[in-house]
Amino acid sequence: MNSKDFAIGVLTVTAVILLTGLIIIHAVSPKQAMAIGQNAEGGDYLVTTSQYNDYTELLMVFDTAQMKMNAYVFNPQTGQVELLQPPIPILRQIQEPARPTGRTR
């Protein structure tokens, strides 16, 4: 066995290993990555995710200075993130505890 035959053998074994790895990677499909409930803050903004249904998640951006919220969704047909609706005003409501109206015995 000379060095030329040894090099051909090493390259053949390497090619078989790489081909096997490629077949395994294509045969086993990876699961879809999900990031539910992730939050981030920066300045006057709060960014969080929200689940719309089993297949769709929303990206919610809150502007705390102007008290408005934007909702974004990924459109798989165009491959872009799109604004779901115009900014929504955020209303802060303070609920008072319920007061009893009559005496109970």
PDB file of N, CA and C in Angstrom:
ATOM      1  N   MET A   1       0.849  -1.175   0.000  1.00  0.00           N
ATOM      2  CA  MET A   1       0.000   0.000   0.000  1.00  0.00           C
ATOM      3  C   MET A   1       0.898   1.244   0.000  1.00  0.00           C
ATOM      4  N   ASN A   2       0.706   2.075  -0.995  1.00  0.00           N
ATOM      5  CA  ASN A   2       1.505   3.290  -1.067  1.00  0.00           C
ATOM      6  C   ASN A   2       0.690   4.477  -0.530  1.00  0.00           C
ATOM      7  N   SER A   3       1.305   5.636  -0.520  1.00  0.00           N
ATOM      8  CA  SER A   3       0.663   6.816   0.068  1.00  0.00           C
ATOM      9  C   SER A   3      -0.532   7.289  -0.755  1.00  0.00           C
ATOM     10  N   LYS A   4      -0.522   7.019  -2.056  1.00  0.00           N
ATOM     11  CA  LYS A   4      -1.628   7.423  -2.914  1.00  0.00           C
ATOM     12  C   LYS A   4      -2.877   6.612  -2.568  1.00  0.00           C
ATOM     13  N   ASP A   5      -2.731   5.315  -2.381  1.00  0.00           N
ATOM     14  CA  ASP A   5      -3.871   4.471  -2.005  1.00  0.00           C
ATOM     15  C   ASP A   5      -4.393   4.830  -0.614  1.00  0.00           C
ATOM     16  N   PHE A   6      -3.488   5.172   0.311  1.00  0.00           N
ATOM     17  CA  PHE A   6      -3.891   5.566   1.665  1.00  0.00           C
ATOM     18  C   PHE A   6      -4.695   6.861   1.637  1.00  0.00           C
ATOM     19  N   ALA A   7      -4.266   7.841   0.832  1.00  0.00           N
ATOM     20  CA  ALA A   7      -4.983   9.118   0.726  1.00  0.00           C
ATOM     21  C   ALA A   7      -6.372   8.907   0.133  1.00  0.00           C
ATOM     22  N   ILE A   8      -6.473   8.048  -0.886  1.00  0.00           N
ATOM     23  CA  ILE A   8      -7.787   7.748  -1.482  1.00  0.00           C
ATOM     24  C   ILE A   8      -8.685   7.079  -0.449  1.00  0.00           C
ATOM     25  N   GLY A   9      -8.157   6.187   0.353  1.00  0.00           N
ATOM     26  CA  GLY A   9      -8.934   5.522   1.401  1.00  0.00           C
ATOM     27  C   GLY A   9      -9.433   6.496   2.452  1.00  0.00           C
ATOM     28  N   VAL A  10      -8.550   7.409   2.884  1.00  0.00           N
ATOM     29  CA  VAL A  10      -8.944   8.411   3.888  1.00  0.00           C
ATOM     30  C   VAL A  10     -10.025   9.334   3.330  1.00  0.00           C
ATOM     31  N   LEU A  11      -9.873   9.783   2.104  1.00  0.00           N
ATOM     32  CA  LEU A  11     -10.875  10.657   1.481  1.00  0.00           C
ATOM     33  C   LEU A  11     -12.207   9.936   1.283  1.00  0.00           C
ATOM     34  N   THR A  12     -12.163   8.653   0.952  1.00  0.00           N
ATOM     35  CA  THR A  12     -13.391   7.873   0.786  1.00  0.00           C
ATOM     36  C   THR A  12     -14.125   7.729   2.112  1.00  0.00           C
ATOM     37  N   VAL A  13     -13.404   7.414   3.168  1.00  0.00           N
ATOM     38  CA  VAL A  13     -14.026   7.282   4.489  1.00  0.00           C
ATOM     39  C   VAL A  13     -14.600   8.629   4.950  1.00  0.00           C
ATOM     40  N   THR A  14     -13.881   9.710   4.710  1.00  0.00           N
ATOM     41  CA  THR A  14     -14.370  11.046   5.070  1.00  0.00           C
ATOM     42  C   THR A  14     -15.645  11.395   4.308  1.00  0.00           C
ATOM     43  N   ALA A  15     -15.677  11.075   3.018  1.00  0.00           N
ATOM     44  CA  ALA A  15     -16.862  11.348   2.210  1.00  0.00           C
ATOM     45  C   ALA A  15     -18.060  10.547   2.700  1.00  0.00           C
ATOM     46  N   VAL A  16     -17.856   9.302   3.076  1.00  0.00           N
ATOM     47  CA  VAL A  16     -18.950   8.470   3.590  1.00  0.00           C
ATOM     48  C   VAL A  16     -19.475   9.033   4.904  1.00  0.00           C
ATOM     49  N   ILE A  17     -18.586   9.468   5.791  1.00  0.00           N
ATOM     50  CA  ILE A  17     -19.012  10.052   7.073  1.00  0.00           C
ATOM     51  C   ILE A  17     -19.811  11.329   6.846  1.00  0.00           C
ATOM     52  N   LEU A  18     -19.331  12.204   5.959  1.00  0.00           N
ATOM     53  CA  LEU A  18     -20.039  13.453   5.668  1.00  0.00           C
ATOM     54  C   LEU A  18     -21.395  13.198   5.006  1.00  0.00           C
ATOM     55  N   LEU A  19     -21.468  12.234   4.101  1.00  0.00           N
ATOM     56  CA  LEU A  19     -22.731  11.890   3.450  1.00  0.00           C
ATOM     57  C   LEU A  19     -23.731  11.337   4.459  1.00  0.00           C
ATOM     58  N   THR A  20     -23.264  10.501   5.381  1.00  0.00           N
ATOM     59  CA  THR A  20     -24.137   9.954   6.426  1.00  0.00           C
ATOM     60  C   THR A  20     -24.677  11.077   7.314  1.00  0.00           C
ATOM     61  N   GLY A  21     -23.817  12.009   7.691  1.00  0.00           N
ATOM     62  CA  GLY A  21     -24.260  13.151   8.502  1.00  0.00           C
ATOM     63  C   GLY A  21     -25.285  14.000   7.783  1.00  0.00           C
ATOM     64  N   LEU A  22     -25.087  14.229   6.490  1.00  0.00           N
ATOM     65  CA  LEU A  22     -26.033  15.013   5.698  1.00  0.00           C
ATOM     66  C   LEU A  22     -27.393  14.325   5.617  1.00  0.00           C
ATOM     67  N   ILE A  23     -27.398  13.015   5.422  1.00  0.00           N
ATOM     68  CA  ILE A  23     -28.651  12.263   5.353  1.00  0.00           C
ATOM     69  C   ILE A  23     -29.378  12.313   6.699  1.00  0.00           C
ATOM     70  N   ILE A  24     -28.645  12.176   7.789  1.00  0.00           N
ATOM     71  CA  ILE A  24     -29.265  12.231   9.123  1.00  0.00           C
ATOM     72  C   ILE A  24     -29.851  13.610   9.400  1.00  0.00           C
ATOM     73  N   ILE A  25     -29.140  14.660   9.035  1.00  0.00           N
ATOM     74  CA  ILE A  25     -29.645  16.021   9.273  1.00  0.00           C
ATOM     75  C   ILE A  25     -30.925  16.272   8.489  1.00  0.00           C
ATOM     76  N   HIS A  26     -31.003  15.815   7.251  1.00  0.00           N
ATOM     77  CA  HIS A  26     -32.213  16.027   6.452  1.00  0.00           C
ATOM     78  C   HIS A  26     -33.349  15.102   6.850  1.00  0.00           C
ATOM     79  N   ALA A  27     -33.045  13.940   7.395  1.00  0.00           N
ATOM     80  CA  ALA A  27     -34.094  12.993   7.793  1.00  0.00           C
ATOM     81  C   ALA A  27     -34.764  13.413   9.103  1.00  0.00           C
ATOM     82  N   VAL A  28     -34.017  13.976  10.024  1.00  0.00           N
ATOM     83  CA  VAL A  28     -34.555  14.397  11.320  1.00  0.00           C
ATOM     84  C   VAL A  28     -34.860  15.887  11.236  1.00  0.00           C
ATOM     85  N   SER A  29     -36.151  16.229  11.182  1.00  0.00           N
ATOM     86  CA  SER A  29     -36.511  17.636  11.085  1.00  0.00           C
ATOM     87  C   SER A  29     -36.505  18.260  12.474  1.00  0.00           C
ATOM     88  N   PRO A  30     -35.888  19.417  12.626  1.00  0.00           N
ATOM     89  CA  PRO A  30     -35.853  20.075  13.934  1.00  0.00           C
ATOM     90  C   PRO A  30     -37.219  20.646  14.296  1.00  0.00           C
ATOM     91  N   LYS A  31     -37.497  20.737  15.589  1.00  0.00           N
ATOM     92  CA  LYS A  31     -38.755  21.308  16.047  1.00  0.00           C
ATOM     93  C   LYS A  31     -38.685  22.821  15.951  1.00  0.00           C
ATOM     94  N   GLN A  32     -39.849  23.430  15.819  1.00  0.00           N
ATOM     95  CA  GLN A  32     -39.926  24.877  15.703  1.00  0.00           C
ATOM     96  C   GLN A  32     -39.581  25.525  17.038  1.00  0.00           C
ATOM     97  N   ALA A  33     -38.773  26.571  16.997  1.00  0.00           N
ATOM     98  CA  ALA A  33     -38.395  27.277  18.212  1.00  0.00           C
ATOM     99  C   ALA A  33     -39.515  28.217  18.629  1.00  0.00           C
ATOM    100  N   MET A  34     -39.835  28.222  19.913  1.00  0.00           N
ATOM    101  CA  MET A  34     -40.872  29.094  20.446  1.00  0.00           C
ATOM    102  C   MET A  34     -40.255  29.956  21.548  1.00  0.00           C
ATOM    103  N   ALA A  35     -40.689  31.200  21.624  1.00  0.00           N
ATOM    104  CA  ALA A  35     -40.204  32.106  22.666  1.00  0.00           C
ATOM    105  C   ALA A  35     -41.399  32.819  23.283  1.00  0.00           C
ATOM    106  N   ILE A  36     -42.117  32.093  24.111  1.00  0.00           N
ATOM    107  CA  ILE A  36     -43.326  32.650  24.711  1.00  0.00           C
ATOM    108  C   ILE A  36     -42.968  33.337  26.018  1.00  0.00           C
ATOM    109  N   GLY A  37     -43.513  34.525  26.223  1.00  0.00           N
ATOM    110  CA  GLY A  37     -43.355  35.211  27.493  1.00  0.00           C
ATOM    111  C   GLY A  37     -42.012  35.876  27.701  1.00  0.00           C
ATOM    112  N   GLN A  38     -41.333  36.237  26.644  1.00  0.00           N
ATOM    113  CA  GLN A  38     -40.057  36.924  26.774  1.00  0.00           C
ATOM    114  C   GLN A  38     -40.314  38.422  26.872  1.00  0.00           C
ATOM    115  N   ASN A  39     -39.610  39.106  27.769  1.00  0.00           N
ATOM    116  CA  ASN A  39     -39.778  40.544  27.965  1.00  0.00           C
ATOM    117  C   ASN A  39     -38.440  41.248  27.830  1.00  0.00           C
ATOM    118  N   ALA A  40     -38.499  42.507  27.427  1.00  0.00           N
ATOM    119  CA  ALA A  40     -37.306  43.346  27.376  1.00  0.00           C
ATOM    120  C   ALA A  40     -37.725  44.790  27.605  1.00  0.00           C
ATOM    121  N   GLU A  41     -36.902  45.527  28.326  1.00  0.00           N
ATOM    122  CA  GLU A  41     -37.180  46.935  28.591  1.00  0.00           C
ATOM    123  C   GLU A  41     -36.003  47.778  28.123  1.00  0.00           C
ATOM    124  N   GLY A  42     -36.341  48.969  27.652  1.00  0.00           N
ATOM    125  CA  GLY A  42     -35.303  49.903  27.256  1.00  0.00           C
ATOM    126  C   GLY A  42     -35.872  51.306  27.203  1.00  0.00           C
ATOM    127  N   GLY A  43     -35.449  52.159  28.105  1.00  0.00           N
ATOM    128  CA  GLY A  43     -35.964  53.520  28.138  1.00  0.00           C
ATOM    129  C   GLY A  43     -37.449  53.537  28.437  1.00  0.00           C
ATOM    130  N   ASP A  44     -38.210  54.129  27.536  1.00  0.00           N
ATOM    131  CA  ASP A  44     -39.660  54.236  27.709  1.00  0.00           C
ATOM    132  C   ASP A  44     -40.411  53.086  27.067  1.00  0.00           C
ATOM    133  N   TYR A  45     -39.716  52.061  26.603  1.00  0.00           N
ATOM    134  CA  TYR A  45     -40.368  50.979  25.867  1.00  0.00           C
ATOM    135  C   TYR A  45     -40.298  49.661  26.633  1.00  0.00           C
ATOM    136  N   LEU A  46     -41.365  48.894  26.495  1.00  0.00           N
ATOM    137  CA  LEU A  46     -41.430  47.531  27.017  1.00  0.00           C
ATOM    138  C   LEU A  46     -41.847  46.649  25.852  1.00  0.00           C
ATOM    139  N   VAL A  47     -41.078  45.602  25.581  1.00  0.00           N
ATOM    140  CA  VAL A  47     -41.355  44.696  24.474  1.00  0.00           C
ATOM    141  C   VAL A  47     -41.627  43.313  25.048  1.00  0.00           C
ATOM    142  N   THR A  48     -42.705  42.679  24.614  1.00  0.00           N
ATOM    143  CA  THR A  48     -43.048  41.353  25.090  1.00  0.00           C
ATOM    144  C   THR A  48     -43.713  40.562  23.977  1.00  0.00           C
ATOM    145  N   THR A  49     -43.768  39.244  24.138  1.00  0.00           N
ATOM    146  CA  THR A  49     -44.455  38.395  23.177  1.00  0.00           C
ATOM    147  C   THR A  49     -45.777  37.947  23.769  1.00  0.00           C
ATOM    148  N   SER A  50     -46.715  37.646  22.874  1.00  0.00           N
ATOM    149  CA  SER A  50     -48.027  37.184  23.286  1.00  0.00           C
ATOM    150  C   SER A  50     -48.488  36.132  22.296  1.00  0.00           C
ATOM    151  N   GLN A  51     -49.115  35.080  22.785  1.00  0.00           N
ATOM    152  CA  GLN A  51     -49.583  34.014  21.900  1.00  0.00           C
ATOM    153  C   GLN A  51     -50.999  34.319  21.447  1.00  0.00           C
ATOM    154  N   TYR A  52     -51.200  34.414  20.135  1.00  0.00           N
ATOM    155  CA  TYR A  52     -52.509  34.702  19.549  1.00  0.00           C
ATOM    156  C   TYR A  52     -53.323  33.425  19.393  1.00  0.00           C
ATOM    157  N   ASN A  53     -52.709  32.394  18.806  1.00  0.00           N
ATOM    158  CA  ASN A  53     -53.321  31.065  18.707  1.00  0.00           C
ATOM    159  C   ASN A  53     -52.198  30.031  18.711  1.00  0.00           C
ATOM    160  N   ASP A  54     -52.495  28.792  18.361  1.00  0.00           N
ATOM    161  CA  ASP A  54     -51.476  27.736  18.428  1.00  0.00           C
ATOM    162  C   ASP A  54     -50.330  27.951  17.446  1.00  0.00           C
ATOM    163  N   TYR A  55     -50.537  28.749  16.402  1.00  0.00           N
ATOM    164  CA  TYR A  55     -49.531  28.892  15.353  1.00  0.00           C
ATOM    165  C   TYR A  55     -48.972  30.311  15.228  1.00  0.00           C
ATOM    166  N   THR A  56     -49.572  31.273  15.915  1.00  0.00           N
ATOM    167  CA  THR A  56     -49.197  32.665  15.722  1.00  0.00           C
ATOM    168  C   THR A  56     -48.866  33.324  17.051  1.00  0.00           C
ATOM    169  N   GLU A  57     -47.764  34.050  17.066  1.00  0.00           N
ATOM    170  CA  GLU A  57     -47.405  34.849  18.222  1.00  0.00           C
ATOM    171  C   GLU A  57     -47.301  36.304  17.803  1.00  0.00           C
ATOM    172  N   LEU A  58     -47.585  37.186  18.742  1.00  0.00           N
ATOM    173  CA  LEU A  58     -47.533  38.614  18.500  1.00  0.00           C
ATOM    174  C   LEU A  58     -46.349  39.219  19.233  1.00  0.00           C
ATOM    175  N   LEU A  59     -45.814  40.280  18.685  1.00  0.00           N
ATOM    176  CA  LEU A  59     -44.797  41.072  19.345  1.00  0.00           C
ATOM    177  C   LEU A  59     -45.476  42.364  19.785  1.00  0.00           C
ATOM    178  N   MET A  60     -45.543  42.576  21.091  1.00  0.00           N
ATOM    179  CA  MET A  60     -46.216  43.756  21.634  1.00  0.00           C
ATOM    180  C   MET A  60     -45.155  44.761  22.077  1.00  0.00           C
ATOM    181  N   VAL A  61     -45.297  46.013  21.618  1.00  0.00           N
ATOM    182  CA  VAL A  61     -44.372  47.078  21.991  1.00  0.00           C
ATOM    183  C   VAL A  61     -45.179  48.158  22.706  1.00  0.00           C
ATOM    184  N   PHE A  62     -44.835  48.401  23.970  1.00  0.00           N
ATOM    185  CA  PHE A  62     -45.512  49.410  24.781  1.00  0.00           C
ATOM    186  C   PHE A  62     -44.624  50.635  24.896  1.00  0.00           C
ATOM    187  N   ASP A  63     -45.191  51.803  24.559  1.00  0.00           N
ATOM    188  CA  ASP A  63     -44.514  53.083  24.743  1.00  0.00           C
ATOM    189  C   ASP A  63     -45.092  53.694  26.009  1.00  0.00           C
ATOM    190  N   THR A  64     -44.341  53.608  27.117  1.00  0.00           N
ATOM    191  CA  THR A  64     -44.873  54.061  28.400  1.00  0.00           C
ATOM    192  C   THR A  64     -44.908  55.577  28.518  1.00  0.00           C
ATOM    193  N   ALA A  65     -44.137  56.287  27.733  1.00  0.00           N
ATOM    194  CA  ALA A  65     -44.158  57.746  27.786  1.00  0.00           C
ATOM    195  C   ALA A  65     -45.442  58.288  27.168  1.00  0.00           C
ATOM    196  N   GLN A  66     -45.865  57.724  26.053  1.00  0.00           N
ATOM    197  CA  GLN A  66     -47.082  58.185  25.384  1.00  0.00           C
ATOM    198  C   GLN A  66     -48.292  57.324  25.719  1.00  0.00           C
ATOM    199  N   MET A  67     -48.076  56.239  26.498  1.00  0.00           N
ATOM    200  CA  MET A  67     -49.138  55.324  26.899  1.00  0.00           C
ATOM    201  C   MET A  67     -49.859  54.743  25.685  1.00  0.00           C
ATOM    202  N   LYS A  68     -49.077  54.201  24.748  1.00  0.00           N
ATOM    203  CA  LYS A  68     -49.623  53.561  23.550  1.00  0.00           C
ATOM    204  C   LYS A  68     -48.971  52.207  23.354  1.00  0.00           C
ATOM    205  N   MET A  69     -49.645  51.352  22.569  1.00  0.00           N
ATOM    206  CA  MET A  69     -49.162  49.990  22.332  1.00  0.00           C
ATOM    207  C   MET A  69     -49.284  49.671  20.846  1.00  0.00           C
ATOM    208  N   ASN A  70     -48.279  48.991  20.300  1.00  0.00           N
ATOM    209  CA  ASN A  70     -48.316  48.464  18.937  1.00  0.00           C
ATOM    210  C   ASN A  70     -48.241  46.947  18.991  1.00  0.00           C
ATOM    211  N   ALA A  71     -48.919  46.294  18.053  1.00  0.00           N
ATOM    212  CA  ALA A  71     -48.857  44.832  17.950  1.00  0.00           C
ATOM    213  C   ALA A  71     -48.326  44.481  16.566  1.00  0.00           C
ATOM    214  N   TYR A  72     -47.334  43.595  16.518  1.00  0.00           N
ATOM    215  CA  TYR A  72     -46.720  43.168  15.271  1.00  0.00           C
ATOM    216  C   TYR A  72     -46.854  41.659  15.131  1.00  0.00           C
ATOM    217  N   VAL A  73     -46.957  41.181  13.886  1.00  0.00           N
ATOM    218  CA  VAL A  73     -47.076  39.749  13.608  1.00  0.00           C
ATOM    219  C   VAL A  73     -46.185  39.422  12.409  1.00  0.00           C
ATOM    220  N   PHE A  74     -45.626  38.202  12.393  1.00  0.00           N
ATOM    221  CA  PHE A  74     -44.803  37.747  11.273  1.00  0.00           C
ATOM    222  C   PHE A  74     -45.705  37.177  10.190  1.00  0.00           C
ATOM    223  N   ASN A  75     -45.566  37.665   8.969  1.00  0.00           N
ATOM    224  CA  ASN A  75     -46.330  37.185   7.824  1.00  0.00           C
ATOM    225  C   ASN A  75     -45.458  36.205   7.042  1.00  0.00           C
ATOM    226  N   PRO A  76     -45.769  34.887   7.100  1.00  0.00           N
ATOM    227  CA  PRO A  76     -44.903  33.916   6.422  1.00  0.00           C
ATOM    228  C   PRO A  76     -44.949  34.009   4.893  1.00  0.00           C
ATOM    229  N   GLN A  77     -46.036  34.546   4.326  1.00  0.00           N
ATOM    230  CA  GLN A  77     -46.112  34.671   2.865  1.00  0.00           C
ATOM    231  C   GLN A  77     -45.105  35.688   2.337  1.00  0.00           C
ATOM    232  N   THR A  78     -44.946  36.807   3.048  1.00  0.00           N
ATOM    233  CA  THR A  78     -44.013  37.836   2.597  1.00  0.00           C
ATOM    234  C   THR A  78     -42.669  37.754   3.287  1.00  0.00           C
ATOM    235  N   GLY A  79     -42.604  37.016   4.425  1.00  0.00           N
ATOM    236  CA  GLY A  79     -41.360  36.900   5.174  1.00  0.00           C
ATOM    237  C   GLY A  79     -41.009  38.161   5.933  1.00  0.00           C
ATOM    238  N   GLN A  80     -42.032  38.971   6.284  1.00  0.00           N
ATOM    239  CA  GLN A  80     -41.786  40.234   6.965  1.00  0.00           C
ATOM    240  C   GLN A  80     -42.620  40.328   8.238  1.00  0.00           C
ATOM    241  N   VAL A  81     -42.168  41.177   9.153  1.00  0.00           N
ATOM    242  CA  VAL A  81     -42.930  41.495  10.351  1.00  0.00           C
ATOM    243  C   VAL A  81     -43.796  42.701  10.011  1.00  0.00           C
ATOM    244  N   GLU A  82     -45.113  42.582  10.240  1.00  0.00           N
ATOM    245  CA  GLU A  82     -46.048  43.634   9.850  1.00  0.00           C
ATOM    246  C   GLU A  82     -46.782  44.185  11.064  1.00  0.00           C
ATOM    247  N   LEU A  83     -47.118  45.465  10.995  1.00  0.00           N
ATOM    248  CA  LEU A  83     -47.909  46.116  12.031  1.00  0.00           C
ATOM    249  C   LEU A  83     -49.329  45.586  11.953  1.00  0.00           C
ATOM    250  N   LEU A  84     -49.826  45.059  13.047  1.00  0.00           N
ATOM    251  CA  LEU A  84     -51.150  44.452  13.063  1.00  0.00           C
ATOM    252  C   LEU A  84     -52.249  45.499  13.080  1.00  0.00           C
ATOM    253  N   GLN A  85     -52.031  46.589  13.783  1.00  0.00           N
ATOM    254  CA  GLN A  85     -53.020  47.653  13.883  1.00  0.00           C
ATOM    255  C   GLN A  85     -52.315  48.938  14.282  1.00  0.00           C
ATOM    256  N   PRO A  86     -52.996  50.091  14.142  1.00  0.00           N
ATOM    257  CA  PRO A  86     -52.351  51.337  14.566  1.00  0.00           C
ATOM    258  C   PRO A  86     -52.172  51.365  16.083  1.00  0.00           C
ATOM    259  N   PRO A  87     -51.384  52.309  16.593  1.00  0.00           N
ATOM    260  CA  PRO A  87     -51.155  52.360  18.040  1.00  0.00           C
ATOM    261  C   PRO A  87     -52.459  52.441  18.835  1.00  0.00           C
ATOM    262  N   ILE A  88     -52.518  51.663  19.904  1.00  0.00           N
ATOM    263  CA  ILE A  88     -53.696  51.604  20.763  1.00  0.00           C
ATOM    264  C   ILE A  88     -53.383  52.378  22.036  1.00  0.00           C
ATOM    265  N   PRO A  89     -54.259  53.296  22.463  1.00  0.00           N
ATOM    266  CA  PRO A  89     -54.007  53.979  23.734  1.00  0.00           C
ATOM    267  C   PRO A  89     -54.172  53.013  24.908  1.00  0.00           C
ATOM    268  N   ILE A  90     -53.300  53.130  25.871  1.00  0.00           N
ATOM    269  CA  ILE A  90     -53.371  52.288  27.062  1.00  0.00           C
ATOM    270  C   ILE A  90     -54.067  53.094  28.154  1.00  0.00           C
ATOM    271  N   LEU A  91     -55.124  52.556  28.673  1.00  0.00           N
ATOM    272  CA  LEU A  91     -55.859  53.234  29.735  1.00  0.00           C
ATOM    273  C   LEU A  91     -55.527  52.580  31.064  1.00  0.00           C
ATOM    274  N   ARG A  92     -55.188  53.412  32.030  1.00  0.00           N
ATOM    275  CA  ARG A  92     -54.962  52.899  33.376  1.00  0.00           C
ATOM    276  C   ARG A  92     -56.231  53.114  34.176  1.00  0.00           C
ATOM    277  N   GLN A  93     -56.732  52.038  34.698  1.00  0.00           N
ATOM    278  CA  GLN A  93     -57.953  52.122  35.495  1.00  0.00           C
ATOM    279  C   GLN A  93     -57.645  51.642  36.902  1.00  0.00           C
ATOM    280  N   ILE A  94     -58.075  52.412  37.853  1.00  0.00           N
ATOM    281  CA  ILE A  94     -57.922  52.022  39.246  1.00  0.00           C
ATOM    282  C   ILE A  94     -59.286  51.548  39.719  1.00  0.00           C
ATOM    283  N   GLN A  95     -59.347  50.301  40.099  1.00  0.00           N
ATOM    284  CA  GLN A  95     -60.610  49.740  40.553  1.00  0.00           C
ATOM    285  C   GLN A  95     -60.685  49.844  42.061  1.00  0.00           C
ATOM    286  N   GLU A  96     -61.774  50.421  42.512  1.00  0.00           N
ATOM    287  CA  GLU A  96     -61.998  50.505  43.945  1.00  0.00           C
ATOM    288  C   GLU A  96     -62.600  49.198  44.427  1.00  0.00           C
ATOM    289  N   PRO A  97     -62.294  48.805  45.641  1.00  0.00           N
ATOM    290  CA  PRO A  97     -62.902  47.584  46.161  1.00  0.00           C
ATOM    291  C   PRO A  97     -64.405  47.745  46.289  1.00  0.00           C
ATOM    292  N   ALA A  98     -65.110  46.659  46.052  1.00  0.00           N
ATOM    293  CA  ALA A  98     -66.571  46.683  46.137  1.00  0.00           C
ATOM    294  C   ALA A  98     -67.001  46.943  47.584  1.00  0.00           C
ATOM    295  N   ARG A  99     -67.961  47.858  47.746  1.00  0.00           N
ATOM    296  CA  ARG A  99     -68.480  48.179  49.071  1.00  0.00           C
ATOM    297  C   ARG A  99     -69.779  47.448  49.292  1.00  0.00           C
ATOM    298  N   PRO A 100     -69.953  46.870  50.474  1.00  0.00           N
ATOM    299  CA  PRO A 100     -71.230  46.185  50.741  1.00  0.00           C
ATOM    300  C   PRO A 100     -72.363  47.198  50.788  1.00  0.00           C
ATOM    301  N   THR A 101     -73.511  46.827  50.209  1.00  0.00           N
ATOM    302  CA  THR A 101     -74.644  47.733  50.140  1.00  0.00           C
ATOM    303  C   THR A 101     -75.593  47.575  51.326  1.00  0.00           C
ATOM    304  N   GLY A 102     -75.597  46.453  51.960  1.00  0.00           N
ATOM    305  CA  GLY A 102     -76.510  46.232  53.078  1.00  0.00           C
ATOM    306  C   GLY A 102     -75.845  45.419  54.158  1.00  0.00           C
ATOM    307  N   ARG A 103     -76.520  45.328  55.285  1.00  0.00           N
ATOM    308  CA  ARG A 103     -75.985  44.536  56.386  1.00  0.00           C
ATOM    309  C   ARG A 103     -76.406  43.089  56.253  1.00  0.00           C
ATOM    310  N   THR A 104     -75.496  42.203  56.550  1.00  0.00           N
ATOM    311  CA  THR A 104     -75.814  40.781  56.522  1.00  0.00           C
ATOM    312  C   THR A 104     -75.722  40.234  57.931  1.00  0.00           C
ATOM    313  N   ARG A 105     -76.591  39.343  58.293  1.00  0.00           N
ATOM    314  CA  ARG A 105     -76.558  38.712  59.602  1.00  0.00           C
ATOM    315  C   ARG A 105     -76.360  37.262  59.487  1.00  0.00           C
TER     316      ARG A 105
END
